[in-house]
Amino acid sequence: MAYAMAEAAGRGDLNRLGSMLREAFEAKKRMNPHVTDHTPIEAMLDAAQASGALGGKLCGAGGGGYLLVFCPSERQSEVRATLESLGGQFARFSFYPEGVRARRGDRTWAPAPG
């Protein structure tokens, strides 16, 4: 699916990219139905999409991972305000061939190898 996401991004098919991110989130939940237990992740993603985000996915194993949300630039301030109202905090991130890397303070998050 990662290649298909890169292909959608390369074609500028932002709606498809957003829906693929949400599909990846739903697939992770099917593999572990408890991955978002005791977290506000699902409510945050639903609220972000209601505010204009095109999709999003959980990065990491949950319970302390990151929620990556994709939205058009013209909706970013509204989506950000919505997430902040729900307790969301933001981290800088970058895309690399190996995947996403996020920074918050002096900590860096990267997906586990494999």
N, C-alpha and C. Protein backbone atom coordinates (compact mmCIF):
# COMPACT_ATOMS: atom_id res chain seq x y z
N MET A 1 0.82 -1.18 0.00
CA MET A 1 0.00 0.00 0.00
C MET A 1 0.87 1.26 0.00
N ALA A 2 2.07 1.20 0.60
CA ALA A 2 2.93 2.39 0.65
C ALA A 2 3.27 2.87 -0.76
N TYR A 3 3.55 1.93 -1.68
CA TYR A 3 3.86 2.33 -3.04
C TYR A 3 2.65 3.00 -3.69
N ALA A 4 1.47 2.45 -3.47
CA ALA A 4 0.26 3.03 -4.04
C ALA A 4 0.02 4.43 -3.48
N MET A 5 0.33 4.64 -2.19
CA MET A 5 0.19 5.98 -1.61
C MET A 5 1.16 6.95 -2.27
N ALA A 6 2.40 6.52 -2.47
CA ALA A 6 3.39 7.38 -3.12
C ALA A 6 2.96 7.68 -4.55
N GLU A 7 2.39 6.71 -5.21
CA GLU A 7 1.91 6.90 -6.58
C GLU A 7 0.76 7.91 -6.61
N ALA A 8 -0.18 7.80 -5.68
CA ALA A 8 -1.30 8.74 -5.60
C ALA A 8 -0.79 10.15 -5.33
N ALA A 9 0.18 10.27 -4.42
CA ALA A 9 0.76 11.58 -4.11
C ALA A 9 1.47 12.15 -5.32
N GLY A 10 2.22 11.30 -6.02
CA GLY A 10 2.94 11.75 -7.21
C GLY A 10 2.02 12.21 -8.33
N ARG A 11 0.86 11.62 -8.43
CA ARG A 11 -0.13 12.02 -9.45
C ARG A 11 -0.94 13.22 -8.99
N GLY A 12 -0.80 13.60 -7.73
CA GLY A 12 -1.59 14.71 -7.20
C GLY A 12 -3.02 14.32 -6.87
N ASP A 13 -3.27 13.02 -6.74
CA ASP A 13 -4.61 12.53 -6.41
C ASP A 13 -4.78 12.56 -4.89
N LEU A 14 -5.00 13.76 -4.36
CA LEU A 14 -5.02 13.95 -2.92
C LEU A 14 -6.20 13.28 -2.25
N ASN A 15 -7.35 13.23 -2.90
CA ASN A 15 -8.50 12.54 -2.31
C ASN A 15 -8.20 11.05 -2.15
N ARG A 16 -7.56 10.46 -3.16
CA ARG A 16 -7.22 9.03 -3.07
C ARG A 16 -6.20 8.79 -1.97
N LEU A 17 -5.20 9.67 -1.89
CA LEU A 17 -4.19 9.53 -0.84
C LEU A 17 -4.86 9.59 0.54
N GLY A 18 -5.75 10.55 0.74
CA GLY A 18 -6.45 10.66 2.01
C GLY A 18 -7.25 9.42 2.34
N SER A 19 -7.97 8.89 1.36
CA SER A 19 -8.77 7.69 1.63
C SER A 19 -7.88 6.48 1.88
N MET A 20 -6.72 6.42 1.23
CA MET A 20 -5.80 5.30 1.47
C MET A 20 -5.22 5.36 2.89
N LEU A 21 -4.97 6.56 3.38
CA LEU A 21 -4.49 6.69 4.76
C LEU A 21 -5.54 6.15 5.72
N ARG A 22 -6.79 6.52 5.50
CA ARG A 22 -7.87 6.03 6.37
C ARG A 22 -8.01 4.51 6.24
N GLU A 23 -7.87 3.98 5.01
CA GLU A 23 -7.92 2.53 4.81
C GLU A 23 -6.81 1.83 5.60
N ALA A 24 -5.63 2.42 5.63
CA ALA A 24 -4.51 1.84 6.39
C ALA A 24 -4.83 1.84 7.88
N PHE A 25 -5.47 2.91 8.35
CA PHE A 25 -5.88 2.99 9.75
C PHE A 25 -6.88 1.88 10.07
N GLU A 26 -7.87 1.72 9.22
CA GLU A 26 -8.90 0.68 9.45
C GLU A 26 -8.27 -0.71 9.38
N ALA A 27 -7.29 -0.93 8.50
CA ALA A 27 -6.62 -2.23 8.41
C ALA A 27 -5.84 -2.53 9.70
N LYS A 28 -5.18 -1.51 10.25
CA LYS A 28 -4.46 -1.69 11.50
C LYS A 28 -5.42 -2.07 12.62
N LYS A 29 -6.60 -1.46 12.63
CA LYS A 29 -7.60 -1.79 13.65
C LYS A 29 -8.13 -3.22 13.47
N ARG A 30 -8.23 -3.67 12.22
CA ARG A 30 -8.69 -5.06 12.01
C ARG A 30 -7.64 -6.05 12.53
N MET A 31 -6.36 -5.71 12.38
CA MET A 31 -5.30 -6.60 12.87
C MET A 31 -5.25 -6.61 14.40
N ASN A 32 -5.53 -5.47 15.01
CA ASN A 32 -5.56 -5.37 16.47
C ASN A 32 -6.71 -4.45 16.84
N PRO A 33 -7.88 -5.02 17.12
CA PRO A 33 -9.06 -4.20 17.42
C PRO A 33 -8.88 -3.30 18.65
N HIS A 34 -7.88 -3.55 19.45
CA HIS A 34 -7.68 -2.77 20.67
C HIS A 34 -6.59 -1.70 20.53
N VAL A 35 -6.09 -1.50 19.32
CA VAL A 35 -4.95 -0.60 19.13
C VAL A 35 -5.25 0.84 19.55
N THR A 36 -6.50 1.24 19.54
CA THR A 36 -6.84 2.61 19.95
C THR A 36 -7.56 2.66 21.29
N ASP A 37 -7.65 1.52 21.97
CA ASP A 37 -8.31 1.52 23.28
C ASP A 37 -7.66 2.52 24.22
N HIS A 38 -8.48 3.20 24.98
CA HIS A 38 -8.03 4.16 25.99
C HIS A 38 -7.27 5.34 25.40
N THR A 39 -7.51 5.63 24.13
CA THR A 39 -6.92 6.80 23.48
C THR A 39 -8.03 7.58 22.77
N PRO A 40 -7.81 8.85 22.50
CA PRO A 40 -8.81 9.64 21.75
C PRO A 40 -8.59 9.59 20.23
N ILE A 41 -7.78 8.67 19.76
CA ILE A 41 -7.35 8.65 18.36
C ILE A 41 -8.53 8.61 17.38
N GLU A 42 -9.47 7.69 17.57
CA GLU A 42 -10.58 7.58 16.61
C GLU A 42 -11.43 8.84 16.59
N ALA A 43 -11.73 9.37 17.76
CA ALA A 43 -12.53 10.60 17.83
C ALA A 43 -11.78 11.76 17.18
N MET A 44 -10.48 11.80 17.37
CA MET A 44 -9.68 12.88 16.77
C MET A 44 -9.66 12.76 15.25
N LEU A 45 -9.49 11.56 14.73
CA LEU A 45 -9.48 11.39 13.28
C LEU A 45 -10.84 11.72 12.69
N ASP A 46 -11.90 11.27 13.31
CA ASP A 46 -13.25 11.60 12.82
C ASP A 46 -13.48 13.11 12.83
N ALA A 47 -13.07 13.78 13.92
CA ALA A 47 -13.24 15.23 14.01
C ALA A 47 -12.39 15.95 12.98
N ALA A 48 -11.18 15.47 12.75
CA ALA A 48 -10.30 16.08 11.75
C ALA A 48 -10.94 15.97 10.36
N GLN A 49 -11.49 14.81 10.05
CA GLN A 49 -12.13 14.64 8.75
C GLN A 49 -13.38 15.50 8.64
N ALA A 50 -14.12 15.65 9.71
CA ALA A 50 -15.31 16.52 9.69
C ALA A 50 -14.91 17.98 9.48
N SER A 51 -13.66 18.32 9.86
CA SER A 51 -13.16 19.70 9.71
C SER A 51 -12.43 19.93 8.39
N GLY A 52 -12.32 18.89 7.57
CA GLY A 52 -11.72 19.09 6.26
C GLY A 52 -10.53 18.22 5.93
N ALA A 53 -10.05 17.42 6.87
CA ALA A 53 -8.95 16.50 6.55
C ALA A 53 -9.45 15.45 5.56
N LEU A 54 -8.57 15.01 4.68
CA LEU A 54 -8.94 14.01 3.69
C LEU A 54 -8.72 12.59 4.19
N GLY A 55 -7.98 12.44 5.26
CA GLY A 55 -7.73 11.11 5.81
C GLY A 55 -6.64 11.18 6.84
N GLY A 56 -6.33 10.03 7.40
CA GLY A 56 -5.27 9.96 8.39
C GLY A 56 -5.06 8.52 8.81
N LYS A 57 -3.95 8.29 9.49
CA LYS A 57 -3.66 6.94 9.95
C LYS A 57 -2.85 6.99 11.22
N LEU A 58 -2.90 5.93 11.96
CA LEU A 58 -2.12 5.76 13.17
C LEU A 58 -0.74 5.28 12.77
N CYS A 59 0.28 5.95 13.26
CA CYS A 59 1.66 5.54 13.03
C CYS A 59 2.19 5.01 14.36
N GLY A 60 2.71 3.82 14.34
CA GLY A 60 3.16 3.18 15.57
C GLY A 60 2.15 2.14 16.00
N ALA A 61 2.35 1.63 17.19
CA ALA A 61 1.52 0.54 17.69
C ALA A 61 0.30 1.00 18.45
N GLY A 62 0.14 2.29 18.59
CA GLY A 62 -1.00 2.83 19.33
C GLY A 62 -0.65 3.07 20.78
N GLY A 63 -1.58 3.66 21.49
CA GLY A 63 -1.37 3.93 22.89
C GLY A 63 -0.19 4.85 23.16
N GLY A 64 0.14 5.69 22.24
CA GLY A 64 1.28 6.59 22.39
C GLY A 64 1.96 6.86 21.07
N GLY A 65 1.40 6.32 20.00
CA GLY A 65 1.93 6.58 18.67
C GLY A 65 1.49 7.95 18.17
N TYR A 66 1.58 8.15 16.90
CA TYR A 66 1.21 9.41 16.28
C TYR A 66 0.02 9.20 15.36
N LEU A 67 -0.80 10.22 15.26
CA LEU A 67 -1.88 10.25 14.28
C LEU A 67 -1.43 11.18 13.17
N LEU A 68 -1.22 10.65 12.00
CA LEU A 68 -0.84 11.44 10.84
C LEU A 68 -2.12 11.81 10.12
N VAL A 69 -2.35 13.10 9.94
CA VAL A 69 -3.57 13.60 9.31
C VAL A 69 -3.18 14.37 8.07
N PHE A 70 -3.88 14.11 6.98
CA PHE A 70 -3.61 14.77 5.70
C PHE A 70 -4.78 15.65 5.33
N CYS A 71 -4.49 16.93 5.05
CA CYS A 71 -5.57 17.83 4.66
C CYS A 71 -5.03 18.87 3.68
N PRO A 72 -5.92 19.44 2.88
CA PRO A 72 -5.51 20.51 1.98
C PRO A 72 -5.01 21.71 2.79
N SER A 73 -4.07 22.45 2.26
CA SER A 73 -3.48 23.56 3.00
C SER A 73 -4.53 24.59 3.43
N GLU A 74 -5.55 24.79 2.63
CA GLU A 74 -6.57 25.78 3.00
C GLU A 74 -7.44 25.35 4.18
N ARG A 75 -7.35 24.09 4.58
CA ARG A 75 -8.14 23.59 5.73
C ARG A 75 -7.26 23.33 6.96
N GLN A 76 -5.95 23.53 6.84
CA GLN A 76 -5.05 23.19 7.94
C GLN A 76 -5.37 23.90 9.24
N SER A 77 -5.65 25.21 9.18
CA SER A 77 -5.89 25.93 10.44
C SER A 77 -7.15 25.42 11.12
N GLU A 78 -8.19 25.11 10.36
CA GLU A 78 -9.43 24.60 10.95
C GLU A 78 -9.21 23.20 11.55
N VAL A 79 -8.52 22.34 10.81
CA VAL A 79 -8.24 20.99 11.31
C VAL A 79 -7.36 21.06 12.55
N ARG A 80 -6.34 21.90 12.51
CA ARG A 80 -5.45 22.04 13.66
C ARG A 80 -6.22 22.52 14.89
N ALA A 81 -7.07 23.54 14.73
CA ALA A 81 -7.85 24.06 15.86
C ALA A 81 -8.77 22.98 16.42
N THR A 82 -9.37 22.20 15.55
CA THR A 82 -10.24 21.11 16.00
C THR A 82 -9.46 20.10 16.84
N LEU A 83 -8.29 19.70 16.33
CA LEU A 83 -7.48 18.72 17.06
C LEU A 83 -6.95 19.28 18.36
N GLU A 84 -6.54 20.55 18.36
CA GLU A 84 -6.07 21.16 19.61
C GLU A 84 -7.18 21.21 20.65
N SER A 85 -8.43 21.46 20.20
CA SER A 85 -9.55 21.50 21.15
C SER A 85 -9.80 20.14 21.78
N LEU A 86 -9.32 19.08 21.15
CA LEU A 86 -9.47 17.72 21.67
C LEU A 86 -8.20 17.25 22.39
N GLY A 87 -7.25 18.16 22.58
CA GLY A 87 -6.01 17.80 23.28
C GLY A 87 -4.88 17.41 22.36
N GLY A 88 -5.06 17.57 21.06
CA GLY A 88 -4.00 17.21 20.11
C GLY A 88 -2.78 18.09 20.27
N GLN A 89 -1.63 17.47 20.11
CA GLN A 89 -0.35 18.16 20.11
C GLN A 89 0.30 17.87 18.77
N PHE A 90 1.15 18.76 18.32
CA PHE A 90 1.70 18.63 16.98
C PHE A 90 3.20 18.45 17.00
N ALA A 91 3.68 17.69 16.04
CA ALA A 91 5.12 17.42 15.89
C ALA A 91 5.52 17.71 14.45
N ARG A 92 6.71 18.21 14.29
CA ARG A 92 7.25 18.38 12.93
C ARG A 92 7.54 16.99 12.38
N PHE A 93 7.34 16.83 11.08
CA PHE A 93 7.66 15.54 10.48
C PHE A 93 8.17 15.75 9.07
N SER A 94 8.85 14.70 8.59
CA SER A 94 9.40 14.71 7.24
C SER A 94 9.21 13.34 6.64
N PHE A 95 9.09 13.31 5.33
CA PHE A 95 9.01 12.04 4.61
C PHE A 95 10.39 11.67 4.10
N TYR A 96 10.76 10.42 4.26
CA TYR A 96 12.02 9.88 3.76
C TYR A 96 11.69 8.59 3.01
N PRO A 97 12.60 8.11 2.17
CA PRO A 97 12.32 6.84 1.48
C PRO A 97 11.98 5.70 2.44
N GLU A 98 12.53 5.74 3.65
CA GLU A 98 12.27 4.69 4.65
C GLU A 98 10.95 4.92 5.38
N GLY A 99 10.34 6.10 5.23
CA GLY A 99 9.08 6.38 5.90
C GLY A 99 9.10 7.73 6.58
N VAL A 100 8.12 7.97 7.43
CA VAL A 100 7.96 9.24 8.12
C VAL A 100 8.86 9.28 9.34
N ARG A 101 9.42 10.44 9.61
CA ARG A 101 10.17 10.71 10.84
C ARG A 101 9.54 11.93 11.48
N ALA A 102 9.22 11.85 12.76
CA ALA A 102 8.61 12.97 13.48
C ALA A 102 9.53 13.42 14.60
N ARG A 103 9.54 14.72 14.85
CA ARG A 103 10.33 15.30 15.94
C ARG A 103 9.42 16.08 16.87
N ARG A 104 9.63 15.88 18.15
CA ARG A 104 8.93 16.66 19.17
C ARG A 104 9.93 16.92 20.28
N GLY A 105 10.29 18.17 20.44
CA GLY A 105 11.34 18.49 21.40
C GLY A 105 12.64 17.86 20.96
N ASP A 106 13.28 17.13 21.86
CA ASP A 106 14.54 16.47 21.51
C ASP A 106 14.36 15.00 21.16
N ARG A 107 13.10 14.57 20.97
CA ARG A 107 12.82 13.16 20.64
C ARG A 107 12.45 13.01 19.18
N THR A 108 12.91 11.93 18.56
CA THR A 108 12.58 11.60 17.18
C THR A 108 11.85 10.27 17.17
N TRP A 109 10.76 10.21 16.42
CA TRP A 109 10.02 8.96 16.27
C TRP A 109 10.24 8.46 14.85
N ALA A 110 10.45 7.17 14.70
CA ALA A 110 10.55 6.52 13.40
C ALA A 110 9.90 5.15 13.50
N PRO A 111 9.32 4.66 12.39
CA PRO A 111 8.72 3.32 12.45
C PRO A 111 9.77 2.26 12.74
N ALA A 112 9.33 1.19 13.38
CA ALA A 112 10.24 0.08 13.66
C ALA A 112 10.68 -0.57 12.36
N PRO A 113 11.93 -1.02 12.28
CA PRO A 113 12.40 -1.68 11.05
C PRO A 113 11.61 -2.95 10.80
N GLY A 114 11.51 -3.27 9.54
CA GLY A 114 10.92 -4.56 9.23
C GLY A 114 9.72 -4.49 8.46
